[in-house]
Amino acid sequence: MGKPEQPAAPAEAVRDDVHRALREDVGAGDVSAGLLPVDAHAAAVVVAREECVLCGRDWFEEVFRACDERIVIRWRVAEGGKTTAGETICELEGPVRGLLSGERSALNFLQLLSAVATQ
């Protein structure tokens, strides 16, 4: 599953990046997520589409922490670890509104940073 954990990114920089991304993506609120019941919960998985070096876990986690702290992320690949196509990177569980509100920003960070790390 890859090499050991890499050093964490500076927390303040990660927080700033995430809050900028969420302001741009969600703005004053996620209208689509707002249509769902407040108490609805869901589970999701993130699966690698191709072989890559995983990078961006700190940003991914911060997105969901900002959307809803009750979201639980179970990682199956370490930061800096290699993945194969079809491999589950992580599993998420929690309030569906938070999952949907953070999905795009979280995946954008993971895709961009993993692409750079894989090059």
PDB file of N, CA and C in Angstrom:
ATOM      1  N   MET A   1       0.795  -1.189   0.000  1.00  0.00           N
ATOM      2  CA  MET A   1       0.000   0.000   0.000  1.00  0.00           C
ATOM      3  C   MET A   1       0.833   1.247   0.000  1.00  0.00           C
ATOM      4  N   GLY A   2       2.069   1.180  -0.166  1.00  0.00           N
ATOM      5  CA  GLY A   2       2.848   2.402  -0.267  1.00  0.00           C
ATOM      6  C   GLY A   2       3.786   2.589   0.888  1.00  0.00           C
ATOM      7  N   LYS A   3       4.501   3.688   0.800  1.00  0.00           N
ATOM      8  CA  LYS A   3       5.503   3.995   1.816  1.00  0.00           C
ATOM      9  C   LYS A   3       4.863   4.658   3.028  1.00  0.00           C
ATOM     10  N   PRO A   4       5.636   4.880   4.075  1.00  0.00           N
ATOM     11  CA  PRO A   4       5.099   5.464   5.306  1.00  0.00           C
ATOM     12  C   PRO A   4       4.556   6.868   5.092  1.00  0.00           C
ATOM     13  N   GLU A   5       3.779   7.303   6.075  1.00  0.00           N
ATOM     14  CA  GLU A   5       3.196   8.645   6.057  1.00  0.00           C
ATOM     15  C   GLU A   5       4.263   9.715   5.821  1.00  0.00           C
ATOM     16  N   GLN A   6       3.900  10.703   5.034  1.00  0.00           N
ATOM     17  CA  GLN A   6       4.766  11.849   4.779  1.00  0.00           C
ATOM     18  C   GLN A   6       4.457  12.925   5.818  1.00  0.00           C
ATOM     19  N   PRO A   7       5.355  13.892   6.027  1.00  0.00           N
ATOM     20  CA  PRO A   7       5.095  14.961   6.991  1.00  0.00           C
ATOM     21  C   PRO A   7       3.837  15.743   6.605  1.00  0.00           C
ATOM     22  N   ALA A   8       3.122  16.210   7.592  1.00  0.00           N
ATOM     23  CA  ALA A   8       1.890  16.960   7.356  1.00  0.00           C
ATOM     24  C   ALA A   8       2.203  18.349   6.807  1.00  0.00           C
ATOM     25  N   ALA A   9       1.281  18.863   6.003  1.00  0.00           N
ATOM     26  CA  ALA A   9       1.396  20.226   5.489  1.00  0.00           C
ATOM     27  C   ALA A   9       1.072  21.195   6.630  1.00  0.00           C
ATOM     28  N   PRO A  10       1.567  22.432   6.564  1.00  0.00           N
ATOM     29  CA  PRO A  10       1.251  23.417   7.606  1.00  0.00           C
ATOM     30  C   PRO A  10      -0.267  23.614   7.711  1.00  0.00           C
ATOM     31  N   ALA A  11      -0.804  23.417   8.901  1.00  0.00           N
ATOM     32  CA  ALA A  11      -2.254  23.421   9.114  1.00  0.00           C
ATOM     33  C   ALA A  11      -2.920  24.726   8.683  1.00  0.00           C
ATOM     34  N   GLU A  12      -2.294  25.847   8.961  1.00  0.00           N
ATOM     35  CA  GLU A  12      -2.901  27.136   8.611  1.00  0.00           C
ATOM     36  C   GLU A  12      -3.027  27.300   7.093  1.00  0.00           C
ATOM     37  N   ALA A  13      -2.016  26.879   6.350  1.00  0.00           N
ATOM     38  CA  ALA A  13      -2.059  26.970   4.887  1.00  0.00           C
ATOM     39  C   ALA A  13      -3.156  26.068   4.329  1.00  0.00           C
ATOM     40  N   VAL A  14      -3.269  24.876   4.882  1.00  0.00           N
ATOM     41  CA  VAL A  14      -4.310  23.942   4.440  1.00  0.00           C
ATOM     42  C   VAL A  14      -5.686  24.548   4.709  1.00  0.00           C
ATOM     43  N   ARG A  15      -5.892  25.057   5.916  1.00  0.00           N
ATOM     44  CA  ARG A  15      -7.178  25.672   6.272  1.00  0.00           C
ATOM     45  C   ARG A  15      -7.526  26.823   5.333  1.00  0.00           C
ATOM     46  N   ASP A  16      -6.557  27.682   5.050  1.00  0.00           N
ATOM     47  CA  ASP A  16      -6.797  28.820   4.151  1.00  0.00           C
ATOM     48  C   ASP A  16      -7.187  28.342   2.755  1.00  0.00           C
ATOM     49  N   ASP A  17      -6.455  27.366   2.221  1.00  0.00           N
ATOM     50  CA  ASP A  17      -6.768  26.817   0.893  1.00  0.00           C
ATOM     51  C   ASP A  17      -8.188  26.263   0.854  1.00  0.00           C
ATOM     52  N   VAL A  18      -8.524  25.500   1.875  1.00  0.00           N
ATOM     53  CA  VAL A  18      -9.835  24.849   1.924  1.00  0.00           C
ATOM     54  C   VAL A  18     -10.953  25.876   2.040  1.00  0.00           C
ATOM     55  N   HIS A  19     -10.792  26.858   2.894  1.00  0.00           N
ATOM     56  CA  HIS A  19     -11.857  27.846   3.058  1.00  0.00           C
ATOM     57  C   HIS A  19     -12.050  28.674   1.790  1.00  0.00           C
ATOM     58  N   ARG A  20     -10.976  28.959   1.079  1.00  0.00           N
ATOM     59  CA  ARG A  20     -11.104  29.653  -0.214  1.00  0.00           C
ATOM     60  C   ARG A  20     -11.869  28.784  -1.211  1.00  0.00           C
ATOM     61  N   ALA A  21     -11.511  27.515  -1.276  1.00  0.00           N
ATOM     62  CA  ALA A  21     -12.168  26.594  -2.217  1.00  0.00           C
ATOM     63  C   ALA A  21     -13.655  26.445  -1.891  1.00  0.00           C
ATOM     64  N   LEU A  22     -13.982  26.311  -0.622  1.00  0.00           N
ATOM     65  CA  LEU A  22     -15.391  26.154  -0.243  1.00  0.00           C
ATOM     66  C   LEU A  22     -16.187  27.432  -0.494  1.00  0.00           C
ATOM     67  N   ARG A  23     -15.573  28.587  -0.253  1.00  0.00           N
ATOM     68  CA  ARG A  23     -16.261  29.854  -0.560  1.00  0.00           C
ATOM     69  C   ARG A  23     -16.589  29.923  -2.043  1.00  0.00           C
ATOM     70  N   GLU A  24     -15.642  29.501  -2.865  1.00  0.00           N
ATOM     71  CA  GLU A  24     -15.843  29.538  -4.313  1.00  0.00           C
ATOM     72  C   GLU A  24     -16.883  28.511  -4.757  1.00  0.00           C
ATOM     73  N   ASP A  25     -16.823  27.312  -4.206  1.00  0.00           N
ATOM     74  CA  ASP A  25     -17.680  26.222  -4.665  1.00  0.00           C
ATOM     75  C   ASP A  25     -19.076  26.255  -4.043  1.00  0.00           C
ATOM     76  N   VAL A  26     -19.155  26.470  -2.739  1.00  0.00           N
ATOM     77  CA  VAL A  26     -20.428  26.388  -2.027  1.00  0.00           C
ATOM     78  C   VAL A  26     -21.006  27.772  -1.747  1.00  0.00           C
ATOM     79  N   GLY A  27     -20.149  28.753  -1.590  1.00  0.00           N
ATOM     80  CA  GLY A  27     -20.604  30.116  -1.321  1.00  0.00           C
ATOM     81  C   GLY A  27     -21.397  30.212  -0.034  1.00  0.00           C
ATOM     82  N   ALA A  28     -22.590  30.788  -0.121  1.00  0.00           N
ATOM     83  CA  ALA A  28     -23.427  30.997   1.064  1.00  0.00           C
ATOM     84  C   ALA A  28     -24.153  29.728   1.501  1.00  0.00           C
ATOM     85  N   GLY A  29     -24.104  28.694   0.700  1.00  0.00           N
ATOM     86  CA  GLY A  29     -24.771  27.443   1.070  1.00  0.00           C
ATOM     87  C   GLY A  29     -24.960  26.551  -0.135  1.00  0.00           C
ATOM     88  N   ASP A  30     -25.028  25.267   0.112  1.00  0.00           N
ATOM     89  CA  ASP A  30     -25.204  24.280  -0.950  1.00  0.00           C
ATOM     90  C   ASP A  30     -26.696  24.019  -1.123  1.00  0.00           C
ATOM     91  N   VAL A  31     -27.278  24.579  -2.180  1.00  0.00           N
ATOM     92  CA  VAL A  31     -28.716  24.473  -2.419  1.00  0.00           C
ATOM     93  C   VAL A  31     -29.139  23.016  -2.596  1.00  0.00           C
ATOM     94  N   SER A  32     -28.382  22.244  -3.354  1.00  0.00           N
ATOM     95  CA  SER A  32     -28.723  20.833  -3.590  1.00  0.00           C
ATOM     96  C   SER A  32     -28.715  20.038  -2.290  1.00  0.00           C
ATOM     97  N   ALA A  33     -27.668  20.188  -1.501  1.00  0.00           N
ATOM     98  CA  ALA A  33     -27.576  19.464  -0.232  1.00  0.00           C
ATOM     99  C   ALA A  33     -28.685  19.905   0.717  1.00  0.00           C
ATOM    100  N   GLY A  34     -29.094  21.154   0.615  1.00  0.00           N
ATOM    101  CA  GLY A  34     -30.154  21.677   1.469  1.00  0.00           C
ATOM    102  C   GLY A  34     -31.507  21.038   1.224  1.00  0.00           C
ATOM    103  N   LEU A  35     -31.667  20.368   0.093  1.00  0.00           N
ATOM    104  CA  LEU A  35     -32.926  19.687  -0.214  1.00  0.00           C
ATOM    105  C   LEU A  35     -33.063  18.357   0.526  1.00  0.00           C
ATOM    106  N   LEU A  36     -31.963  17.862   1.062  1.00  0.00           N
ATOM    107  CA  LEU A  36     -31.964  16.562   1.740  1.00  0.00           C
ATOM    108  C   LEU A  36     -32.306  16.719   3.218  1.00  0.00           C
ATOM    109  N   PRO A  37     -32.891  15.676   3.817  1.00  0.00           N
ATOM    110  CA  PRO A  37     -33.223  15.758   5.245  1.00  0.00           C
ATOM    111  C   PRO A  37     -31.982  16.027   6.100  1.00  0.00           C
ATOM    112  N   VAL A  38     -32.151  16.842   7.121  1.00  0.00           N
ATOM    113  CA  VAL A  38     -31.050  17.224   8.006  1.00  0.00           C
ATOM    114  C   VAL A  38     -30.426  16.008   8.679  1.00  0.00           C
ATOM    115  N   ASP A  39     -31.236  15.015   9.001  1.00  0.00           N
ATOM    116  CA  ASP A  39     -30.736  13.852   9.742  1.00  0.00           C
ATOM    117  C   ASP A  39     -30.297  12.688   8.849  1.00  0.00           C
ATOM    118  N   ALA A  40     -30.298  12.890   7.534  1.00  0.00           N
ATOM    119  CA  ALA A  40     -29.902  11.811   6.613  1.00  0.00           C
ATOM    120  C   ALA A  40     -28.397  11.566   6.685  1.00  0.00           C
ATOM    121  N   HIS A  41     -28.025  10.299   6.727  1.00  0.00           N
ATOM    122  CA  HIS A  41     -26.618   9.895   6.741  1.00  0.00           C
ATOM    123  C   HIS A  41     -26.333   9.054   5.503  1.00  0.00           C
ATOM    124  N   ALA A  42     -25.070   9.020   5.107  1.00  0.00           N
ATOM    125  CA  ALA A  42     -24.679   8.242   3.934  1.00  0.00           C
ATOM    126  C   ALA A  42     -23.252   7.747   4.099  1.00  0.00           C
ATOM    127  N   ALA A  43     -22.902   6.813   3.243  1.00  0.00           N
ATOM    128  CA  ALA A  43     -21.531   6.304   3.176  1.00  0.00           C
ATOM    129  C   ALA A  43     -21.059   6.466   1.741  1.00  0.00           C
ATOM    130  N   ALA A  44     -19.765   6.636   1.576  1.00  0.00           N
ATOM    131  CA  ALA A  44     -19.191   6.806   0.242  1.00  0.00           C
ATOM    132  C   ALA A  44     -17.787   6.223   0.224  1.00  0.00           C
ATOM    133  N   VAL A  45     -17.304   5.930  -0.966  1.00  0.00           N
ATOM    134  CA  VAL A  45     -15.919   5.481  -1.129  1.00  0.00           C
ATOM    135  C   VAL A  45     -15.265   6.312  -2.218  1.00  0.00           C
ATOM    136  N   VAL A  46     -13.968   6.508  -2.080  1.00  0.00           N
ATOM    137  CA  VAL A  46     -13.169   7.159  -3.118  1.00  0.00           C
ATOM    138  C   VAL A  46     -12.292   6.068  -3.711  1.00  0.00           C
ATOM    139  N   VAL A  47     -12.401   5.901  -5.027  1.00  0.00           N
ATOM    140  CA  VAL A  47     -11.690   4.838  -5.732  1.00  0.00           C
ATOM    141  C   VAL A  47     -10.761   5.467  -6.765  1.00  0.00           C
ATOM    142  N   ALA A  48      -9.533   4.985  -6.821  1.00  0.00           N
ATOM    143  CA  ALA A  48      -8.559   5.492  -7.804  1.00  0.00           C
ATOM    144  C   ALA A  48      -8.979   5.062  -9.208  1.00  0.00           C
ATOM    145  N   ARG A  49      -8.972   6.001 -10.143  1.00  0.00           N
ATOM    146  CA  ARG A  49      -9.289   5.673 -11.533  1.00  0.00           C
ATOM    147  C   ARG A  49      -8.079   5.124 -12.264  1.00  0.00           C
ATOM    148  N   GLU A  50      -6.909   5.478 -11.758  1.00  0.00           N
ATOM    149  CA  GLU A  50      -5.669   5.000 -12.380  1.00  0.00           C
ATOM    150  C   GLU A  50      -4.581   4.931 -11.322  1.00  0.00           C
ATOM    151  N   GLU A  51      -3.466   4.347 -11.686  1.00  0.00           N
ATOM    152  CA  GLU A  51      -2.333   4.257 -10.764  1.00  0.00           C
ATOM    153  C   GLU A  51      -1.836   5.666 -10.456  1.00  0.00           C
ATOM    154  N   CYS A  52      -1.549   5.930  -9.186  1.00  0.00           N
ATOM    155  CA  CYS A  52      -1.039   7.254  -8.811  1.00  0.00           C
ATOM    156  C   CYS A  52      -0.352   7.193  -7.456  1.00  0.00           C
ATOM    157  N   VAL A  53       0.298   8.297  -7.107  1.00  0.00           N
ATOM    158  CA  VAL A  53       0.850   8.499  -5.770  1.00  0.00           C
ATOM    159  C   VAL A  53      -0.151   9.390  -5.043  1.00  0.00           C
ATOM    160  N   LEU A  54      -0.679   8.914  -3.930  1.00  0.00           N
ATOM    161  CA  LEU A  54      -1.699   9.670  -3.207  1.00  0.00           C
ATOM    162  C   LEU A  54      -1.083  10.870  -2.494  1.00  0.00           C
ATOM    163  N   CYS A  55      -1.686  12.021  -2.720  1.00  0.00           N
ATOM    164  CA  CYS A  55      -1.237  13.248  -2.066  1.00  0.00           C
ATOM    165  C   CYS A  55      -2.453  14.140  -1.838  1.00  0.00           C
ATOM    166  N   GLY A  56      -2.510  14.778  -0.672  1.00  0.00           N
ATOM    167  CA  GLY A  56      -3.576  15.731  -0.396  1.00  0.00           C
ATOM    168  C   GLY A  56      -4.539  15.322   0.695  1.00  0.00           C
ATOM    169  N   ARG A  57      -4.167  14.333   1.485  1.00  0.00           N
ATOM    170  CA  ARG A  57      -5.066  13.880   2.546  1.00  0.00           C
ATOM    171  C   ARG A  57      -5.410  15.000   3.528  1.00  0.00           C
ATOM    172  N   ASP A  58      -4.447  15.853   3.864  1.00  0.00           N
ATOM    173  CA  ASP A  58      -4.714  16.952   4.811  1.00  0.00           C
ATOM    174  C   ASP A  58      -5.806  17.881   4.284  1.00  0.00           C
ATOM    175  N   TRP A  59      -5.761  18.206   2.998  1.00  0.00           N
ATOM    176  CA  TRP A  59      -6.750  19.091   2.382  1.00  0.00           C
ATOM    177  C   TRP A  59      -8.115  18.398   2.324  1.00  0.00           C
ATOM    178  N   PHE A  60      -8.118  17.141   1.931  1.00  0.00           N
ATOM    179  CA  PHE A  60      -9.341  16.342   1.850  1.00  0.00           C
ATOM    180  C   PHE A  60     -10.035  16.312   3.216  1.00  0.00           C
ATOM    181  N   GLU A  61      -9.270  16.000   4.251  1.00  0.00           N
ATOM    182  CA  GLU A  61      -9.830  15.931   5.606  1.00  0.00           C
ATOM    183  C   GLU A  61     -10.341  17.287   6.076  1.00  0.00           C
ATOM    184  N   GLU A  62      -9.613  18.348   5.783  1.00  0.00           N
ATOM    185  CA  GLU A  62     -10.013  19.687   6.218  1.00  0.00           C
ATOM    186  C   GLU A  62     -11.312  20.120   5.545  1.00  0.00           C
ATOM    187  N   VAL A  63     -11.507  19.746   4.279  1.00  0.00           N
ATOM    188  CA  VAL A  63     -12.767  20.073   3.596  1.00  0.00           C
ATOM    189  C   VAL A  63     -13.942  19.495   4.376  1.00  0.00           C
ATOM    190  N   PHE A  64     -13.866  18.220   4.696  1.00  0.00           N
ATOM    191  CA  PHE A  64     -14.992  17.593   5.386  1.00  0.00           C
ATOM    192  C   PHE A  64     -15.112  18.057   6.833  1.00  0.00           C
ATOM    193  N   ARG A  65     -14.006  18.382   7.468  1.00  0.00           N
ATOM    194  CA  ARG A  65     -14.055  18.946   8.826  1.00  0.00           C
ATOM    195  C   ARG A  65     -14.800  20.285   8.783  1.00  0.00           C
ATOM    196  N   ALA A  66     -14.543  21.084   7.753  1.00  0.00           N
ATOM    197  CA  ALA A  66     -15.202  22.383   7.620  1.00  0.00           C
ATOM    198  C   ALA A  66     -16.690  22.232   7.290  1.00  0.00           C
ATOM    199  N   CYS A  67     -17.040  21.188   6.554  1.00  0.00           N
ATOM    200  CA  CYS A  67     -18.443  20.976   6.167  1.00  0.00           C
ATOM    201  C   CYS A  67     -19.264  20.360   7.288  1.00  0.00           C
ATOM    202  N   ASP A  68     -18.691  19.383   7.977  1.00  0.00           N
ATOM    203  CA  ASP A  68     -19.383  18.735   9.101  1.00  0.00           C
ATOM    204  C   ASP A  68     -18.389  17.855   9.846  1.00  0.00           C
ATOM    205  N   GLU A  69     -18.078  18.233  11.063  1.00  0.00           N
ATOM    206  CA  GLU A  69     -17.065  17.516  11.856  1.00  0.00           C
ATOM    207  C   GLU A  69     -17.459  16.083  12.197  1.00  0.00           C
ATOM    208  N   ARG A  70     -18.711  15.729  11.963  1.00  0.00           N
ATOM    209  CA  ARG A  70     -19.158  14.360  12.273  1.00  0.00           C
ATOM    210  C   ARG A  70     -18.802  13.360  11.177  1.00  0.00           C
ATOM    211  N   ILE A  71     -18.302  13.836  10.064  1.00  0.00           N
ATOM    212  CA  ILE A  71     -17.921  12.935   8.971  1.00  0.00           C
ATOM    213  C   ILE A  71     -16.669  12.166   9.374  1.00  0.00           C
ATOM    214  N   VAL A  72     -16.729  10.861   9.194  1.00  0.00           N
ATOM    215  CA  VAL A  72     -15.618   9.971   9.538  1.00  0.00           C
ATOM    216  C   VAL A  72     -14.962   9.500   8.244  1.00  0.00           C
ATOM    217  N   ILE A  73     -13.638   9.601   8.192  1.00  0.00           N
ATOM    218  CA  ILE A  73     -12.870   9.151   7.024  1.00  0.00           C
ATOM    219  C   ILE A  73     -11.955   8.025   7.467  1.00  0.00           C
ATOM    220  N   ARG A  74     -12.044   6.894   6.785  1.00  0.00           N
ATOM    221  CA  ARG A  74     -11.152   5.760   7.053  1.00  0.00           C
ATOM    222  C   ARG A  74     -10.254   5.584   5.827  1.00  0.00           C
ATOM    223  N   TRP A  75      -8.993   5.918   6.008  1.00  0.00           N
ATOM    224  CA  TRP A  75      -8.029   5.850   4.909  1.00  0.00           C
ATOM    225  C   TRP A  75      -7.531   4.422   4.715  1.00  0.00           C
ATOM    226  N   ARG A  76      -7.386   4.032   3.462  1.00  0.00           N
ATOM    227  CA  ARG A  76      -6.818   2.727   3.140  1.00  0.00           C
ATOM    228  C   ARG A  76      -5.479   2.869   2.428  1.00  0.00           C
ATOM    229  N   VAL A  77      -5.129   4.101   2.066  1.00  0.00           N
ATOM    230  CA  VAL A  77      -3.844   4.374   1.415  1.00  0.00           C
ATOM    231  C   VAL A  77      -3.173   5.523   2.169  1.00  0.00           C
ATOM    232  N   ALA A  78      -1.907   5.357   2.491  1.00  0.00           N
ATOM    233  CA  ALA A  78      -1.146   6.380   3.213  1.00  0.00           C
ATOM    234  C   ALA A  78      -0.797   7.544   2.286  1.00  0.00           C
ATOM    235  N   GLU A  79      -0.599   8.709   2.868  1.00  0.00           N
ATOM    236  CA  GLU A  79      -0.090   9.863   2.112  1.00  0.00           C
ATOM    237  C   GLU A  79       1.249   9.463   1.499  1.00  0.00           C
ATOM    238  N   GLY A  80       1.407   9.664   0.212  1.00  0.00           N
ATOM    239  CA  GLY A  80       2.638   9.274  -0.474  1.00  0.00           C
ATOM    240  C   GLY A  80       2.633   7.827  -0.933  1.00  0.00           C
ATOM    241  N   GLY A  81       1.561   7.098  -0.620  1.00  0.00           N
ATOM    242  CA  GLY A  81       1.463   5.695  -1.025  1.00  0.00           C
ATOM    243  C   GLY A  81       1.012   5.562  -2.470  1.00  0.00           C
ATOM    244  N   LYS A  82       1.417   4.476  -3.108  1.00  0.00           N
ATOM    245  CA  LYS A  82       1.004   4.209  -4.490  1.00  0.00           C
ATOM    246  C   LYS A  82      -0.329   3.478  -4.498  1.00  0.00           C
ATOM    247  N   THR A  83      -1.177   3.848  -5.452  1.00  0.00           N
ATOM    248  CA  THR A  83      -2.452   3.164  -5.632  1.00  0.00           C
ATOM    249  C   THR A  83      -2.471   2.500  -6.999  1.00  0.00           C
ATOM    250  N   THR A  84      -3.378   1.573  -7.155  1.00  0.00           N
ATOM    251  CA  THR A  84      -3.611   0.952  -8.456  1.00  0.00           C
ATOM    252  C   THR A  84      -5.014   1.335  -8.908  1.00  0.00           C
ATOM    253  N   ALA A  85      -5.277   1.245 -10.192  1.00  0.00           N
ATOM    254  CA  ALA A  85      -6.610   1.541 -10.718  1.00  0.00           C
ATOM    255  C   ALA A  85      -7.627   0.623 -10.049  1.00  0.00           C
ATOM    256  N   GLY A  86      -8.717   1.206  -9.576  1.00  0.00           N
ATOM    257  CA  GLY A  86      -9.768   0.438  -8.935  1.00  0.00           C
ATOM    258  C   GLY A  86      -9.593   0.246  -7.438  1.00  0.00           C
ATOM    259  N   GLU A  87      -8.466   0.682  -6.892  1.00  0.00           N
ATOM    260  CA  GLU A  87      -8.211   0.525  -5.456  1.00  0.00           C
ATOM    261  C   GLU A  87      -9.002   1.562  -4.652  1.00  0.00           C
ATOM    262  N   THR A  88      -9.583   1.129  -3.547  1.00  0.00           N
ATOM    263  CA  THR A  88     -10.286   2.049  -2.653  1.00  0.00           C
ATOM    264  C   THR A  88      -9.253   2.853  -1.875  1.00  0.00           C
ATOM    265  N   ILE A  89      -9.359   4.176  -1.978  1.00  0.00           N
ATOM    266  CA  ILE A  89      -8.440   5.088  -1.294  1.00  0.00           C
ATOM    267  C   ILE A  89      -8.930   5.362   0.126  1.00  0.00           C
ATOM    268  N   CYS A  90     -10.225   5.614   0.259  1.00  0.00           N
ATOM    269  CA  CYS A  90     -10.795   5.842   1.585  1.00  0.00           C
ATOM    270  C   CYS A  90     -12.291   5.593   1.565  1.00  0.00           C
ATOM    271  N   GLU A  91     -12.840   5.472   2.761  1.00  0.00           N
ATOM    272  CA  GLU A  91     -14.281   5.330   2.958  1.00  0.00           C
ATOM    273  C   GLU A  91     -14.728   6.483   3.842  1.00  0.00           C
ATOM    274  N   LEU A  92     -15.897   7.028   3.554  1.00  0.00           N
ATOM    275  CA  LEU A  92     -16.440   8.140   4.335  1.00  0.00           C
ATOM    276  C   LEU A  92     -17.829   7.766   4.830  1.00  0.00           C
ATOM    277  N   GLU A  93     -18.186   8.327   5.973  1.00  0.00           N
ATOM    278  CA  GLU A  93     -19.502   8.099   6.550  1.00  0.00           C
ATOM    279  C   GLU A  93     -19.896   9.325   7.339  1.00  0.00           C
ATOM    280  N   GLY A  94     -21.154   9.733   7.210  1.00  0.00           N
ATOM    281  CA  GLY A  94     -21.605  10.864   7.997  1.00  0.00           C
ATOM    282  C   GLY A  94     -22.828  11.529   7.414  1.00  0.00           C
ATOM    283  N   PRO A  95     -23.164  12.716   7.920  1.00  0.00           N
ATOM    284  CA  PRO A  95     -24.321  13.453   7.428  1.00  0.00           C
ATOM    285  C   PRO A  95     -24.198  13.728   5.923  1.00  0.00           C
ATOM    286  N   VAL A  96     -25.257  13.371   5.195  1.00  0.00           N
ATOM    287  CA  VAL A  96     -25.217  13.461   3.737  1.00  0.00           C
ATOM    288  C   VAL A  96     -25.034  14.902   3.249  1.00  0.00           C
ATOM    289  N   ARG A  97     -25.585  15.860   3.956  1.00  0.00           N
ATOM    290  CA  ARG A  97     -25.424  17.258   3.529  1.00  0.00           C
ATOM    291  C   ARG A  97     -23.950  17.663   3.530  1.00  0.00           C
ATOM    292  N   GLY A  98     -23.223  17.294   4.562  1.00  0.00           N
ATOM    293  CA  GLY A  98     -21.795  17.612   4.635  1.00  0.00           C
ATOM    294  C   GLY A  98     -20.994  16.869   3.582  1.00  0.00           C
ATOM    295  N   LEU A  99     -21.353  15.607   3.351  1.00  0.00           N
ATOM    296  CA  LEU A  99     -20.645  14.822   2.327  1.00  0.00           C
ATOM    297  C   LEU A  99     -20.815  15.452   0.950  1.00  0.00           C
ATOM    298  N   LEU A 100     -22.048  15.825   0.608  1.00  0.00           N
ATOM    299  CA  LEU A 100     -22.294  16.417  -0.710  1.00  0.00           C
ATOM    300  C   LEU A 100     -21.689  17.812  -0.844  1.00  0.00           C
ATOM    301  N   SER A 101     -21.743  18.589   0.223  1.00  0.00           N
ATOM    302  CA  SER A 101     -21.191  19.950   0.167  1.00  0.00           C
ATOM    303  C   SER A 101     -19.682  19.945  -0.033  1.00  0.00           C
ATOM    304  N   GLY A 102     -18.999  18.958   0.531  1.00  0.00           N
ATOM    305  CA  GLY A 102     -17.543  18.920   0.438  1.00  0.00           C
ATOM    306  C   GLY A 102     -16.977  18.091  -0.691  1.00  0.00           C
ATOM    307  N   GLU A 103     -17.826  17.293  -1.315  1.00  0.00           N
ATOM    308  CA  GLU A 103     -17.348  16.331  -2.313  1.00  0.00           C
ATOM    309  C   GLU A 103     -16.465  16.948  -3.395  1.00  0.00           C
ATOM    310  N   ARG A 104     -16.952  17.957  -4.083  1.00  0.00           N
ATOM    311  CA  ARG A 104     -16.211  18.505  -5.220  1.00  0.00           C
ATOM    312  C   ARG A 104     -14.871  19.109  -4.804  1.00  0.00           C
ATOM    313  N   SER A 105     -14.877  19.932  -3.762  1.00  0.00           N
ATOM    314  CA  SER A 105     -13.621  20.553  -3.319  1.00  0.00           C
ATOM    315  C   SER A 105     -12.626  19.508  -2.838  1.00  0.00           C
ATOM    316  N   ALA A 106     -13.100  18.541  -2.056  1.00  0.00           N
ATOM    317  CA  ALA A 106     -12.206  17.503  -1.527  1.00  0.00           C
ATOM    318  C   ALA A 106     -11.568  16.699  -2.658  1.00  0.00           C
ATOM    319  N   LEU A 107     -12.381  16.290  -3.622  1.00  0.00           N
ATOM    320  CA  LEU A 107     -11.843  15.507  -4.739  1.00  0.00           C
ATOM    321  C   LEU A 107     -10.925  16.343  -5.625  1.00  0.00           C
ATOM    322  N   ASN A 108     -11.242  17.623  -5.795  1.00  0.00           N
ATOM    323  CA  ASN A 108     -10.358  18.487  -6.585  1.00  0.00           C
ATOM    324  C   ASN A 108      -8.964  18.556  -5.966  1.00  0.00           C
ATOM    325  N   PHE A 109      -8.895  18.741  -4.645  1.00  0.00           N
ATOM    326  CA  PHE A 109      -7.587  18.775  -3.978  1.00  0.00           C
ATOM    327  C   PHE A 109      -6.860  17.445  -4.156  1.00  0.00           C
ATOM    328  N   LEU A 110      -7.550  16.348  -3.915  1.00  0.00           N
ATOM    329  CA  LEU A 110      -6.923  15.024  -4.003  1.00  0.00           C
ATOM    330  C   LEU A 110      -6.429  14.745  -5.422  1.00  0.00           C
ATOM    331  N   GLN A 111      -7.239  15.075  -6.427  1.00  0.00           N
ATOM    332  CA  GLN A 111      -6.851  14.825  -7.820  1.00  0.00           C
ATOM    333  C   GLN A 111      -5.664  15.684  -8.243  1.00  0.00           C
ATOM    334  N   LEU A 112      -5.729  16.972  -7.948  1.00  0.00           N
ATOM    335  CA  LEU A 112      -4.647  17.875  -8.355  1.00  0.00           C
ATOM    336  C   LEU A 112      -3.331  17.515  -7.678  1.00  0.00           C
ATOM    337  N   LEU A 113      -3.363  17.360  -6.360  1.00  0.00           N
ATOM    338  CA  LEU A 113      -2.122  17.096  -5.628  1.00  0.00           C
ATOM    339  C   LEU A 113      -1.571  15.707  -5.934  1.00  0.00           C
ATOM    340  N   SER A 114      -2.442  14.729  -6.132  1.00  0.00           N
ATOM    341  CA  SER A 114      -1.975  13.386  -6.500  1.00  0.00           C
ATOM    342  C   SER A 114      -1.375  13.384  -7.904  1.00  0.00           C
ATOM    343  N   ALA A 115      -1.962  14.161  -8.810  1.00  0.00           N
ATOM    344  CA  ALA A 115      -1.408  14.243 -10.169  1.00  0.00           C
ATOM    345  C   ALA A 115      -0.001  14.830 -10.142  1.00  0.00           C
ATOM    346  N   VAL A 116       0.190  15.876  -9.349  1.00  0.00           N
ATOM    347  CA  VAL A 116       1.520  16.492  -9.235  1.00  0.00           C
ATOM    348  C   VAL A 116       2.503  15.508  -8.608  1.00  0.00           C
ATOM    349  N   ALA A 117       2.077  14.808  -7.559  1.00  0.00           N
ATOM    350  CA  ALA A 117       2.961  13.856  -6.871  1.00  0.00           C
ATOM    351  C   ALA A 117       3.319  12.667  -7.756  1.00  0.00           C
ATOM    352  N   THR A 118       2.446  12.330  -8.684  1.00  0.00           N
ATOM    353  CA  THR A 118       2.659  11.167  -9.548  1.00  0.00           C
ATOM    354  C   THR A 118       3.626  11.485 -10.681  1.00  0.00           C
ATOM    355  N   GLN A 119       3.715  12.736 -11.082  1.00  0.00           N
ATOM    356  CA  GLN A 119       4.565  13.142 -12.210  1.00  0.00           C
ATOM    357  C   GLN A 119       6.015  12.816 -11.972  1.00  0.00           C
TER     358      GLN A 119
END
